[in-house]
């Protein structure tokens, strides 16, 4: 039997979980807290997800997918765990480097 089909059921979609850290929490939906679920097309990339959330595509952020740092071109998969972090200065100190400004004690 022919007829119109709902376009939403024709397009394969995936659902990903997004956790927002630090100042990126401002992108949480009003009144929401914690990880959020987003449904995107099955062929979506990190770039597509950022657009869906409303994060400027030139924003300086760090993205991880399933615990691994990811680029904006990284493809997403169903049930992917995405973390969005603000970039941080510094990082882990190399062996023998000071880890605080109080080196030598006071």
N, C-alpha and C. Protein backbone atom coordinates (compact mmCIF):
# COMPACT_ATOMS: atom_id res chain seq x y z
N UNK A 1 0.85 -1.17 0.00
CA UNK A 1 0.00 0.00 0.00
C UNK A 1 0.89 1.23 0.00
N UNK A 2 0.73 2.10 -0.95
CA UNK A 2 1.54 3.31 -1.05
C UNK A 2 1.06 4.35 -0.07
N UNK A 3 1.74 5.45 -0.08
CA UNK A 3 1.33 6.53 0.79
C UNK A 3 2.55 7.27 1.30
N UNK A 4 2.26 8.33 2.02
CA UNK A 4 3.34 9.14 2.58
C UNK A 4 3.90 8.45 3.81
N UNK A 5 5.22 8.52 3.94
CA UNK A 5 5.86 7.95 5.12
C UNK A 5 6.45 9.09 5.92
N UNK A 6 6.49 8.93 7.20
CA UNK A 6 7.08 9.94 8.08
C UNK A 6 8.58 9.98 7.82
N UNK A 7 9.09 11.14 7.40
CA UNK A 7 10.51 11.28 7.07
C UNK A 7 11.39 10.97 8.27
N UNK A 8 10.90 11.19 9.47
CA UNK A 8 11.71 10.93 10.66
C UNK A 8 12.02 9.45 10.81
N UNK A 9 11.14 8.59 10.33
CA UNK A 9 11.39 7.16 10.46
C UNK A 9 12.25 6.63 9.32
N UNK A 10 12.38 7.41 8.24
CA UNK A 10 13.18 6.98 7.11
C UNK A 10 14.67 7.23 7.32
N UNK A 11 15.00 8.28 8.02
CA UNK A 11 16.40 8.64 8.22
C UNK A 11 16.95 7.88 9.43
N UNK A 12 18.06 7.21 9.23
CA UNK A 12 18.70 6.51 10.35
C UNK A 12 19.30 7.55 11.30
N UNK A 13 18.99 7.44 12.55
CA UNK A 13 19.53 8.36 13.53
C UNK A 13 20.26 7.59 14.61
N UNK A 14 21.11 8.31 15.32
CA UNK A 14 21.83 7.74 16.45
C UNK A 14 21.63 8.66 17.65
N UNK A 15 21.82 8.13 18.81
CA UNK A 15 21.72 8.92 20.04
C UNK A 15 23.06 8.88 20.74
N UNK A 16 23.55 10.07 21.09
CA UNK A 16 24.82 10.19 21.79
C UNK A 16 24.57 10.89 23.12
N UNK A 17 25.44 10.63 24.07
CA UNK A 17 25.36 11.28 25.37
C UNK A 17 26.48 12.31 25.45
N UNK A 18 26.13 13.53 25.83
CA UNK A 18 27.09 14.63 25.88
C UNK A 18 27.20 15.14 27.31
N UNK A 19 28.44 15.23 27.80
CA UNK A 19 28.72 15.81 29.10
C UNK A 19 29.45 17.12 28.89
N UNK A 20 28.94 18.18 29.49
CA UNK A 20 29.51 19.51 29.37
C UNK A 20 30.33 19.82 30.62
N UNK A 21 31.54 20.32 30.44
CA UNK A 21 32.40 20.66 31.56
C UNK A 21 32.68 22.15 31.60
N UNK A 22 32.94 22.64 32.81
CA UNK A 22 33.35 24.03 33.06
C UNK A 22 32.35 25.00 32.43
N UNK A 23 32.86 26.04 31.76
CA UNK A 23 31.96 27.07 31.25
C UNK A 23 31.08 26.59 30.10
N UNK A 24 31.35 25.42 29.54
CA UNK A 24 30.50 24.89 28.48
C UNK A 24 29.15 24.42 29.01
N UNK A 25 29.03 24.35 30.34
CA UNK A 25 27.75 23.98 30.94
C UNK A 25 26.66 24.99 30.58
N UNK A 26 27.05 26.17 30.10
CA UNK A 26 26.06 27.17 29.70
C UNK A 26 25.22 26.68 28.51
N UNK A 27 25.69 25.64 27.82
CA UNK A 27 24.94 25.09 26.69
C UNK A 27 23.93 24.03 27.12
N UNK A 28 23.89 23.71 28.41
CA UNK A 28 22.86 22.78 28.89
C UNK A 28 21.49 23.40 28.67
N UNK A 29 20.52 22.59 28.32
CA UNK A 29 19.15 23.12 28.22
C UNK A 29 18.72 23.71 29.56
N UNK A 30 17.90 24.75 29.51
CA UNK A 30 17.45 25.43 30.74
C UNK A 30 16.89 24.42 31.73
N UNK A 31 17.40 24.49 32.95
CA UNK A 31 16.93 23.62 34.02
C UNK A 31 17.53 22.22 34.02
N UNK A 32 18.36 21.91 33.04
CA UNK A 32 18.95 20.57 32.95
C UNK A 32 20.27 20.53 33.71
N UNK A 33 20.66 19.33 34.09
CA UNK A 33 21.93 19.12 34.75
C UNK A 33 22.41 17.73 34.37
N UNK A 34 23.72 17.56 34.33
CA UNK A 34 24.27 16.25 34.02
C UNK A 34 24.33 15.98 32.53
N UNK A 35 24.73 14.78 32.17
CA UNK A 35 24.85 14.41 30.75
C UNK A 35 23.51 14.53 30.03
N UNK A 36 23.57 14.94 28.77
CA UNK A 36 22.37 15.12 27.95
C UNK A 36 22.43 14.21 26.74
N UNK A 37 21.27 13.75 26.31
CA UNK A 37 21.20 12.89 25.13
C UNK A 37 20.77 13.72 23.93
N UNK A 38 21.44 13.50 22.81
CA UNK A 38 21.12 14.18 21.56
C UNK A 38 20.94 13.13 20.48
N UNK A 39 19.95 13.33 19.62
CA UNK A 39 19.73 12.47 18.48
C UNK A 39 20.19 13.22 17.24
N UNK A 40 21.06 12.58 16.48
CA UNK A 40 21.64 13.18 15.28
C UNK A 40 21.57 12.17 14.14
N UNK A 41 21.73 12.63 12.89
CA UNK A 41 21.72 11.68 11.77
C UNK A 41 22.81 10.62 11.94
N UNK A 42 22.58 9.46 11.39
CA UNK A 42 23.51 8.34 11.53
C UNK A 42 24.90 8.60 11.00
N UNK A 43 25.05 9.53 10.08
CA UNK A 43 26.36 9.85 9.50
C UNK A 43 27.00 11.07 10.15
N UNK A 44 26.48 11.51 11.30
CA UNK A 44 26.94 12.75 11.94
C UNK A 44 28.38 12.66 12.44
N UNK A 45 29.02 13.81 12.44
CA UNK A 45 30.36 13.96 12.99
C UNK A 45 30.28 14.86 14.22
N UNK A 46 31.40 15.03 14.90
CA UNK A 46 31.45 15.96 16.03
C UNK A 46 31.01 17.35 15.56
N UNK A 47 31.45 17.76 14.39
CA UNK A 47 31.07 19.06 13.82
C UNK A 47 29.54 19.19 13.78
N UNK A 48 28.85 18.17 13.30
CA UNK A 48 27.39 18.19 13.22
C UNK A 48 26.76 18.29 14.60
N UNK A 49 27.32 17.56 15.56
CA UNK A 49 26.80 17.59 16.93
C UNK A 49 26.94 18.99 17.52
N UNK A 50 28.10 19.62 17.33
CA UNK A 50 28.29 20.97 17.86
C UNK A 50 27.26 21.93 17.28
N UNK A 51 26.98 21.80 15.99
CA UNK A 51 25.99 22.65 15.34
C UNK A 51 24.60 22.40 15.95
N UNK A 52 24.28 21.14 16.21
CA UNK A 52 22.99 20.79 16.81
C UNK A 52 22.85 21.42 18.19
N UNK A 53 23.92 21.41 18.97
CA UNK A 53 23.90 21.97 20.32
C UNK A 53 23.84 23.49 20.28
N UNK A 54 24.41 24.09 19.24
CA UNK A 54 24.44 25.55 19.14
C UNK A 54 25.77 26.15 19.53
N UNK A 55 26.81 25.33 19.54
CA UNK A 55 28.15 25.80 19.84
C UNK A 55 28.78 26.30 18.55
N UNK A 56 29.31 27.52 18.58
CA UNK A 56 29.93 28.10 17.39
C UNK A 56 31.00 27.15 16.85
N UNK A 57 30.99 26.97 15.55
CA UNK A 57 31.89 26.00 14.95
C UNK A 57 33.35 26.41 15.04
N UNK A 58 33.61 27.69 15.33
CA UNK A 58 34.99 28.13 15.50
C UNK A 58 35.37 28.25 16.98
N UNK A 59 34.49 27.78 17.87
CA UNK A 59 34.76 27.83 19.31
C UNK A 59 35.99 26.98 19.65
N UNK A 60 36.79 27.47 20.57
CA UNK A 60 37.99 26.77 21.00
C UNK A 60 37.61 25.81 22.12
N UNK A 61 37.34 24.57 21.77
CA UNK A 61 36.97 23.56 22.76
C UNK A 61 37.74 22.28 22.49
N UNK A 62 37.80 21.45 23.52
CA UNK A 62 38.40 20.12 23.39
C UNK A 62 37.26 19.11 23.44
N UNK A 63 37.31 18.15 22.53
CA UNK A 63 36.26 17.14 22.44
C UNK A 63 36.87 15.76 22.63
N UNK A 64 36.18 14.93 23.39
CA UNK A 64 36.57 13.52 23.52
C UNK A 64 35.36 12.67 23.18
N UNK A 65 35.59 11.61 22.45
CA UNK A 65 34.55 10.63 22.12
C UNK A 65 34.99 9.29 22.68
N UNK A 66 34.19 8.74 23.56
CA UNK A 66 34.50 7.48 24.22
C UNK A 66 35.87 7.51 24.89
N UNK A 67 36.18 8.65 25.52
CA UNK A 67 37.41 8.78 26.28
C UNK A 67 38.66 9.11 25.50
N UNK A 68 38.54 9.27 24.19
CA UNK A 68 39.70 9.58 23.34
C UNK A 68 39.51 10.96 22.72
N UNK A 69 40.56 11.77 22.74
CA UNK A 69 40.46 13.09 22.13
C UNK A 69 40.04 12.94 20.66
N UNK A 70 39.16 13.82 20.22
CA UNK A 70 38.59 13.70 18.89
C UNK A 70 38.64 15.03 18.16
N UNK A 71 38.67 14.95 16.84
CA UNK A 71 38.61 16.16 16.02
C UNK A 71 37.16 16.41 15.64
N UNK A 72 36.91 17.52 15.01
CA UNK A 72 35.56 17.85 14.57
C UNK A 72 35.10 16.93 13.44
N UNK A 73 36.03 16.29 12.76
CA UNK A 73 35.67 15.38 11.67
C UNK A 73 35.41 13.96 12.15
N UNK A 74 35.61 13.70 13.44
CA UNK A 74 35.42 12.35 13.98
C UNK A 74 33.96 11.93 13.82
N UNK A 75 33.73 10.79 13.19
CA UNK A 75 32.34 10.30 13.06
C UNK A 75 31.83 9.81 14.42
N UNK A 76 30.54 10.00 14.62
CA UNK A 76 29.90 9.54 15.85
C UNK A 76 29.20 8.21 15.57
N UNK A 77 28.94 7.47 16.62
CA UNK A 77 28.21 6.21 16.51
C UNK A 77 27.15 6.16 17.60
N UNK A 78 26.18 5.30 17.43
CA UNK A 78 25.11 5.19 18.41
C UNK A 78 25.71 4.86 19.77
N UNK A 79 25.22 5.51 20.79
CA UNK A 79 25.63 5.38 22.20
C UNK A 79 27.00 5.99 22.49
N UNK A 80 27.58 6.77 21.57
CA UNK A 80 28.87 7.40 21.84
C UNK A 80 28.76 8.29 23.08
N UNK A 81 29.82 8.33 23.84
CA UNK A 81 29.92 9.18 25.03
C UNK A 81 30.83 10.35 24.65
N UNK A 82 30.25 11.54 24.53
CA UNK A 82 30.99 12.72 24.09
C UNK A 82 31.20 13.66 25.27
N UNK A 83 32.42 14.13 25.44
CA UNK A 83 32.74 15.10 26.48
C UNK A 83 33.20 16.39 25.81
N UNK A 84 32.66 17.52 26.26
CA UNK A 84 33.05 18.82 25.74
C UNK A 84 33.71 19.60 26.86
N UNK A 85 34.96 20.00 26.62
CA UNK A 85 35.75 20.67 27.64
C UNK A 85 36.30 21.98 27.12
N UNK A 86 36.43 22.94 28.00
CA UNK A 86 37.12 24.18 27.65
C UNK A 86 38.61 23.89 27.65
N UNK A 87 39.35 24.49 26.73
CA UNK A 87 40.79 24.24 26.72
C UNK A 87 41.42 24.80 28.00
N UNK A 88 42.43 24.11 28.47
CA UNK A 88 43.13 24.54 29.68
C UNK A 88 44.57 24.82 29.35
N UNK A 89 45.11 25.77 30.05
CA UNK A 89 46.53 26.05 29.87
C UNK A 89 47.31 25.10 30.76
N UNK A 90 48.55 24.88 30.38
CA UNK A 90 49.40 24.02 31.18
C UNK A 90 49.12 22.56 30.90
N UNK A 91 49.34 21.74 31.89
CA UNK A 91 49.14 20.31 31.74
C UNK A 91 50.01 19.61 32.75
N UNK A 92 50.19 18.35 32.56
CA UNK A 92 51.00 17.56 33.48
C UNK A 92 52.46 17.98 33.35
N UNK A 93 53.11 18.11 34.47
CA UNK A 93 54.52 18.48 34.47
C UNK A 93 55.37 17.28 34.06
N UNK A 94 56.38 17.56 33.29
CA UNK A 94 57.32 16.51 32.91
C UNK A 94 58.14 16.13 34.13
N UNK A 95 58.71 14.94 34.12
CA UNK A 95 59.51 14.48 35.25
C UNK A 95 60.58 15.50 35.58
N UNK A 96 60.65 15.88 36.85
CA UNK A 96 61.67 16.82 37.31
C UNK A 96 61.23 18.27 37.25
N UNK A 97 60.06 18.57 36.67
CA UNK A 97 59.58 19.94 36.62
C UNK A 97 58.73 20.24 37.85
N UNK A 98 58.70 21.50 38.21
CA UNK A 98 57.90 21.93 39.36
C UNK A 98 56.42 21.79 39.02
N UNK A 99 55.61 21.46 40.04
CA UNK A 99 54.18 21.33 39.82
C UNK A 99 53.42 22.44 40.53
N UNK A 100 54.12 23.35 41.21
CA UNK A 100 53.47 24.48 41.85
C UNK A 100 54.42 25.66 41.89
N UNK A 101 53.86 26.80 42.25
CA UNK A 101 54.67 28.00 42.31
C UNK A 101 55.44 28.11 43.64
N UNK A 102 55.17 27.22 44.59
CA UNK A 102 55.83 27.26 45.88
C UNK A 102 57.01 26.32 45.94
N UNK A 103 57.66 26.13 44.83
CA UNK A 103 58.81 25.23 44.79
C UNK A 103 59.85 25.70 45.81
N UNK A 104 60.35 24.80 46.57
CA UNK A 104 61.35 25.14 47.57
C UNK A 104 60.75 25.37 48.93
N UNK A 105 59.41 25.48 49.00
CA UNK A 105 58.73 25.63 50.27
C UNK A 105 58.89 27.01 50.87
N UNK A 106 58.04 27.31 51.81
CA UNK A 106 58.11 28.59 52.50
C UNK A 106 57.59 28.44 53.88
